[in-house]
Amino acid sequence: MKLIKSKYLLIIGFFALLATACSDSDKVIDQITGDVTRGAVLRQLEVIANSVAIDAASNTLVDGEQFAVTLEYQDTEDGALLQDMNVYVSFVDNTDDGADNSVGESLYETVPASAFSTGDRGLPVITYAISAQEMQGATGLSNDQIGLGGDNFAVRFEVVLTDGRTFSAENNSGTITGSYFNSPFLTSINVVCSPSKPTAGTWIFETIDTYGDGWNGASLAVVIDGADAGSIVNSGATGTDPEVFELEVPTGASTISIIFNSGDWDGEIMYTVTSANGNVVASGGPSPSAGVELLDYCADNL
């Protein structure tokens, strides 16, 4: 009987200890969660444009170029805590010419909560745009201080809450900058060269597949003045020897673009593009970069 009583006492003691431990643990949890401060995020729903072109001949930013993005604001009160959105602009000089024309950020404007509309999810949404000329004015840069490609403007957003708190890039973590939230608050806007006018006449595309069986779904997509001008595809008919194609660029054409579309065996692909003036204007491989413009407009040699 003494043994049985001892077991009952042991069980009762265990549950008493467990209850005490749970109570202490709850108190710790309460202390932690009680100290948590809920913030706010600006989701990037769509980046409409994030580069601005500069004209190589005049070294001026092209009219109509802009940074534009659609943002969605979130907080614990379904957007009710938003008071303002501050917009800051800066410039980073990446041109290697011995001069550093970088400009630290300054406040460009304050956008009130009233400028936001209600989006599909019942949260404040805004499409914000700032032109190339407005960014230039905000930084006080002259035309000759902006390089032909490589330099970039930066736009930083800061939300101001009705209780005085602010949230911006310095409050970021990987949780809110990536995947669903996509809320970096800070965007770099590259200064790129505007498309050069192509030389009219016959352009030569020399294509190679080092295995000799063709490009397996890959291609060079050519666009002239915004219209599809055809795709260059190595068929494998010449084996590992170059297969050559000609493309006529019409007189009066204003722009040309060449993009490499990836296939199944990009490591076997090489190409060279020669414009009608005899300049080699693009070459690559094996494994060319896919989905990017292959022509260097800054060289102005098309």
Protein backbone atom coordinates (compact mmCIF):
# COMPACT_ATOMS: atom_id res chain seq x y z
CA MET A 1 0.00 0.00 0.00
CA LYS A 2 2.84 2.43 0.77
CA LEU A 3 4.20 1.83 -2.70
CA ILE A 4 0.84 2.69 -4.30
CA LYS A 5 0.51 5.88 -2.29
CA SER A 6 4.03 6.88 -3.36
CA LYS A 7 3.09 6.44 -7.01
CA TYR A 8 -0.01 8.59 -6.61
CA LEU A 9 2.02 11.28 -4.89
CA LEU A 10 4.59 11.15 -7.72
CA ILE A 11 1.90 11.55 -10.40
CA ILE A 12 0.21 14.41 -8.54
CA GLY A 13 3.58 16.10 -8.11
CA PHE A 14 4.36 15.75 -11.84
CA PHE A 15 1.11 17.41 -12.91
CA ALA A 16 1.61 20.19 -10.39
CA LEU A 17 5.11 20.81 -11.81
CA LEU A 18 3.75 20.75 -15.39
CA ALA A 19 1.05 23.27 -14.52
CA THR A 20 3.65 25.55 -12.94
CA ALA A 21 5.95 25.21 -15.95
CA CYS A 22 3.13 26.01 -18.39
CA SER A 23 2.13 29.00 -16.32
CA ASP A 24 5.71 30.31 -16.29
CA SER A 25 6.06 29.65 -20.02
CA ASP A 26 2.84 31.54 -20.76
CA LYS A 27 4.14 34.48 -18.79
CA VAL A 28 7.35 34.51 -20.86
CA ILE A 29 5.35 34.32 -24.10
CA ASP A 30 3.13 37.13 -22.90
CA GLN A 31 6.18 39.25 -22.15
CA ILE A 32 7.68 38.61 -25.60
CA THR A 33 4.52 39.22 -27.61
CA GLY A 34 3.67 42.16 -25.42
CA ASP A 35 6.87 43.86 -26.57
CA VAL A 36 6.27 43.23 -30.29
CA THR A 37 5.67 46.37 -32.38
CA ARG A 38 3.70 45.88 -35.57
CA GLY A 39 5.03 47.81 -38.55
CA ALA A 40 3.97 48.58 -42.11
CA VAL A 41 5.03 47.50 -45.59
CA LEU A 42 4.77 48.78 -49.15
CA ARG A 43 4.31 45.85 -51.52
CA GLN A 44 5.50 46.32 -55.10
CA LEU A 45 2.54 45.03 -57.07
CA GLU A 46 4.09 45.99 -60.41
CA VAL A 47 7.29 47.70 -61.56
CA ILE A 48 6.13 49.49 -64.69
CA ALA A 49 9.48 51.07 -65.61
CA ASN A 50 12.79 51.09 -63.76
CA SER A 51 15.31 52.51 -66.24
CA VAL A 52 15.68 55.85 -68.01
CA ALA A 53 17.37 56.37 -71.35
CA ILE A 54 19.93 59.00 -72.23
CA ASP A 55 20.54 60.17 -75.79
CA ALA A 56 24.16 59.49 -76.73
CA ALA A 57 24.38 62.32 -79.27
CA SER A 58 23.06 65.13 -77.07
CA ASN A 59 23.88 63.53 -73.68
CA THR A 60 20.40 64.45 -72.40
CA LEU A 61 17.79 62.30 -70.71
CA VAL A 62 15.10 61.27 -73.16
CA ASP A 63 11.68 62.89 -72.72
CA GLY A 64 9.01 60.51 -71.49
CA GLU A 65 11.42 58.24 -69.62
CA GLN A 66 10.38 57.56 -66.03
CA PHE A 67 10.42 55.31 -62.98
CA ALA A 68 6.92 54.00 -62.28
CA VAL A 69 5.67 51.44 -59.79
CA THR A 70 2.34 50.32 -58.32
CA LEU A 71 2.45 50.00 -54.51
CA GLU A 72 0.12 48.49 -51.94
CA TYR A 73 0.31 49.70 -48.33
CA GLN A 74 -0.33 47.32 -45.41
CA ASP A 75 -0.51 47.71 -41.63
CA THR A 76 -2.32 46.02 -38.74
CA GLU A 77 -5.34 48.30 -39.21
CA ASP A 78 -5.85 47.44 -42.90
CA GLY A 79 -4.22 50.68 -44.02
CA ALA A 80 -5.90 53.02 -41.55
CA LEU A 81 -2.56 54.01 -39.95
CA LEU A 82 -1.11 55.59 -43.12
CA GLN A 83 -0.54 59.33 -42.90
CA ASP A 84 2.03 60.12 -45.62
CA MET A 85 4.57 58.58 -47.98
CA ASN A 86 7.87 60.43 -48.32
CA VAL A 87 9.85 60.07 -51.55
CA TYR A 88 13.63 60.52 -51.52
CA VAL A 89 15.89 60.71 -54.59
CA SER A 90 19.66 60.16 -54.88
CA PHE A 91 22.22 59.43 -57.62
CA VAL A 92 25.12 56.97 -57.85
CA ASP A 93 27.93 57.76 -60.29
CA ASN A 94 29.40 54.52 -61.66
CA THR A 95 31.18 56.09 -64.63
CA ASP A 96 34.93 55.51 -64.47
CA ASP A 97 36.12 58.97 -65.54
CA GLY A 98 37.97 60.17 -62.44
CA ALA A 99 35.08 62.30 -61.17
CA ASP A 100 32.52 61.26 -58.57
CA ASN A 101 29.21 62.97 -59.23
CA SER A 102 27.22 60.92 -56.74
CA VAL A 103 24.53 62.88 -54.88
CA GLY A 104 23.15 61.91 -51.48
CA GLU A 105 19.42 61.55 -51.08
CA SER A 106 17.08 64.44 -50.46
CA LEU A 107 13.34 64.61 -49.89
CA TYR A 108 11.62 65.08 -53.25
CA GLU A 109 7.98 65.17 -52.13
CA THR A 110 5.47 64.00 -49.52
CA VAL A 111 2.48 62.08 -50.81
CA PRO A 112 -0.58 62.21 -48.50
CA ALA A 113 -2.67 59.14 -47.69
CA SER A 114 -5.53 60.78 -49.60
CA ALA A 115 -3.59 60.22 -52.85
CA PHE A 116 -3.96 56.44 -52.39
CA SER A 117 -7.05 54.64 -53.68
CA THR A 118 -8.59 51.42 -52.36
CA GLY A 119 -7.32 48.35 -54.15
CA ASP A 120 -8.92 44.98 -54.87
CA ARG A 121 -7.93 43.69 -51.43
CA GLY A 122 -9.37 46.68 -49.61
CA LEU A 123 -5.92 48.17 -48.96
CA PRO A 124 -4.47 51.54 -50.02
CA VAL A 125 -2.88 51.38 -53.49
CA ILE A 126 -1.01 53.98 -55.54
CA THR A 127 0.76 54.06 -58.91
CA TYR A 128 3.70 56.39 -58.38
CA ALA A 129 5.75 57.83 -61.25
CA ILE A 130 8.68 60.23 -61.40
CA SER A 131 10.23 61.33 -64.70
CA ALA A 132 13.90 61.27 -65.60
CA GLN A 133 13.94 65.07 -65.70
CA GLU A 134 12.32 65.28 -62.26
CA MET A 135 14.98 62.98 -60.80
CA GLN A 136 17.68 65.04 -62.47
CA GLY A 137 16.19 68.22 -61.00
CA ALA A 138 15.94 66.69 -57.54
CA THR A 139 19.64 65.83 -57.57
CA GLY A 140 20.76 69.08 -59.20
CA LEU A 141 22.85 67.30 -61.83
CA SER A 142 23.84 68.84 -65.14
CA ASN A 143 23.71 66.78 -68.34
CA ASP A 144 27.45 66.23 -68.47
CA GLN A 145 27.43 64.78 -64.93
CA ILE A 146 25.21 61.85 -65.95
CA GLY A 147 27.13 59.03 -67.63
CA LEU A 148 26.23 57.09 -70.77
CA GLY A 149 25.08 53.89 -69.11
CA GLY A 150 26.20 52.50 -65.75
CA ASP A 151 25.02 55.37 -63.53
CA ASN A 152 21.73 55.12 -61.66
CA PHE A 153 19.22 57.15 -59.74
CA ALA A 154 17.71 55.71 -56.56
CA VAL A 155 14.21 56.30 -55.22
CA ARG A 156 13.44 55.46 -51.59
CA PHE A 157 9.97 55.39 -50.09
CA GLU A 158 9.23 56.03 -46.43
CA VAL A 159 5.78 55.59 -44.90
CA VAL A 160 4.76 57.81 -42.00
CA LEU A 161 2.09 56.44 -39.67
CA THR A 162 -0.54 58.44 -37.83
CA ASP A 163 1.23 57.71 -34.53
CA GLY A 164 4.47 59.28 -35.82
CA ARG A 165 6.38 56.07 -36.54
CA THR A 166 8.20 55.72 -39.87
CA PHE A 167 9.14 52.63 -41.87
CA SER A 168 11.53 52.39 -44.80
CA ALA A 169 14.51 50.42 -46.15
CA GLU A 170 16.37 50.44 -42.82
CA ASN A 171 13.52 48.45 -41.23
CA ASN A 172 13.78 45.71 -43.86
CA SER A 173 14.51 42.04 -43.47
CA GLY A 174 14.47 39.20 -45.96
CA THR A 175 10.92 38.44 -44.88
CA ILE A 176 9.46 41.64 -46.31
CA THR A 177 11.84 42.33 -49.22
CA GLY A 178 11.30 38.98 -50.95
CA SER A 179 8.56 36.65 -52.18
CA TYR A 180 5.03 37.71 -51.25
CA PHE A 181 5.68 41.04 -49.52
CA ASN A 182 8.20 42.29 -52.11
CA SER A 183 8.70 45.45 -50.08
CA PRO A 184 12.25 46.80 -50.53
CA PHE A 185 11.21 50.48 -50.17
CA LEU A 186 14.34 51.33 -52.25
CA THR A 187 14.75 50.95 -56.04
CA SER A 188 17.72 51.65 -58.33
CA ILE A 189 16.82 53.17 -61.69
CA ASN A 190 19.54 52.50 -64.25
CA VAL A 191 20.56 55.17 -66.75
CA VAL A 192 20.79 53.37 -70.09
CA CYS A 193 21.62 54.50 -73.59
CA SER A 194 18.67 55.07 -75.89
CA PRO A 195 18.44 52.77 -78.94
CA SER A 196 20.76 53.77 -81.78
CA LYS A 197 19.50 54.14 -85.33
CA PRO A 198 20.50 51.03 -87.30
CA THR A 199 22.33 51.19 -90.63
CA ALA A 200 20.00 50.22 -93.47
CA GLY A 201 21.02 47.26 -95.60
CA THR A 202 22.05 43.65 -95.11
CA TRP A 203 22.88 42.46 -91.61
CA ILE A 204 24.79 39.18 -91.29
CA PHE A 205 24.04 36.61 -88.56
CA GLU A 206 26.68 33.89 -88.18
CA THR A 207 25.46 31.06 -85.96
CA ILE A 208 27.26 28.00 -84.60
CA ASP A 209 26.16 24.92 -82.70
CA THR A 210 29.28 23.24 -81.35
CA TYR A 211 27.54 19.84 -81.20
CA GLY A 212 26.18 20.20 -84.71
CA ASP A 213 22.50 19.37 -84.12
CA GLY A 214 21.03 22.90 -84.16
CA TRP A 215 19.95 25.23 -81.39
CA ASN A 216 17.31 23.00 -79.78
CA GLY A 217 14.66 25.68 -79.34
CA ALA A 218 16.95 28.69 -78.89
CA SER A 219 16.79 31.70 -81.21
CA LEU A 220 17.81 35.31 -81.82
CA ALA A 221 14.63 37.41 -81.91
CA VAL A 222 14.89 40.58 -84.01
CA VAL A 223 12.55 43.56 -83.57
CA ILE A 224 12.67 46.60 -85.88
CA ASP A 225 10.71 49.73 -84.96
CA GLY A 226 8.66 47.72 -82.47
CA ALA A 227 7.61 45.05 -85.00
CA ASP A 228 8.74 41.42 -85.15
CA ALA A 229 11.35 41.14 -87.92
CA GLY A 230 11.92 37.40 -87.55
CA SER A 231 13.93 34.86 -85.56
CA ILE A 232 17.37 33.54 -86.38
CA VAL A 233 17.68 29.81 -85.60
CA ASN A 234 20.61 27.49 -86.32
CA SER A 235 19.07 24.44 -87.96
CA GLY A 236 22.06 22.10 -87.67
CA ALA A 237 22.18 21.77 -91.47
CA THR A 238 25.87 22.76 -91.53
CA GLY A 239 26.85 20.62 -88.54
CA THR A 240 29.50 22.35 -86.44
CA ASP A 241 30.35 24.78 -89.25
CA PRO A 242 28.84 28.28 -89.17
CA GLU A 243 25.34 28.68 -90.57
CA VAL A 244 24.91 32.19 -92.01
CA PHE A 245 21.69 34.20 -92.33
CA GLU A 246 20.98 37.61 -93.86
CA LEU A 247 18.40 40.15 -92.68
CA GLU A 248 17.46 43.32 -94.51
CA VAL A 249 17.06 46.42 -92.34
CA PRO A 250 14.91 48.87 -94.31
CA THR A 251 15.87 52.46 -95.07
CA GLY A 252 14.38 54.81 -92.48
CA ALA A 253 14.32 52.25 -89.63
CA SER A 254 14.71 54.04 -86.29
CA THR A 255 15.42 51.20 -83.85
CA ILE A 256 16.54 47.60 -83.81
CA SER A 257 16.61 45.13 -80.94
CA ILE A 258 18.08 41.60 -80.74
CA ILE A 259 17.23 39.29 -77.85
CA PHE A 260 18.53 35.74 -77.26
CA ASN A 261 15.83 33.24 -76.34
CA SER A 262 17.07 30.23 -74.40
CA GLY A 263 16.78 26.61 -75.58
CA ASP A 264 17.65 23.19 -74.21
CA TRP A 265 21.42 23.20 -74.85
CA ASP A 266 22.63 26.82 -74.62
CA GLY A 267 26.15 25.66 -73.80
CA GLU A 268 26.56 24.69 -77.47
CA ILE A 269 25.46 28.05 -78.90
CA MET A 270 27.64 30.81 -80.37
CA TYR A 271 26.77 33.72 -82.65
CA THR A 272 28.12 36.89 -84.28
CA VAL A 273 26.05 39.76 -85.68
CA THR A 274 27.54 42.19 -88.22
CA SER A 275 25.58 45.31 -89.17
CA ALA A 276 25.28 46.70 -92.69
CA ASN A 277 28.19 49.08 -92.01
CA GLY A 278 30.56 46.16 -91.33
CA ASN A 279 30.76 46.53 -87.55
CA VAL A 280 30.43 43.45 -85.35
CA VAL A 281 27.65 44.71 -83.08
CA ALA A 282 26.91 41.56 -81.06
CA SER A 283 28.60 38.26 -80.28
CA GLY A 284 28.21 35.65 -77.60
CA GLY A 285 28.41 32.08 -76.43
CA PRO A 286 28.65 29.48 -75.36
CA SER A 287 25.63 29.93 -73.05
CA PRO A 288 24.64 33.48 -74.11
CA SER A 289 22.68 35.64 -71.68
CA ALA A 290 18.98 35.07 -72.27
CA GLY A 291 16.23 37.67 -72.28
CA VAL A 292 18.45 40.77 -72.40
CA GLU A 293 19.24 43.23 -75.17
CA LEU A 294 22.36 42.03 -77.04
CA LEU A 295 23.15 45.33 -78.76
CA ASP A 296 25.24 47.94 -76.96
CA TYR A 297 23.45 51.19 -77.77
CA CYS A 298 26.10 53.20 -75.93
CA ALA A 299 28.70 52.25 -78.53
CA ASP A 300 26.57 54.01 -81.20
CA ASN A 301 28.07 51.76 -83.91
CA LEU A 302 24.98 50.19 -85.44
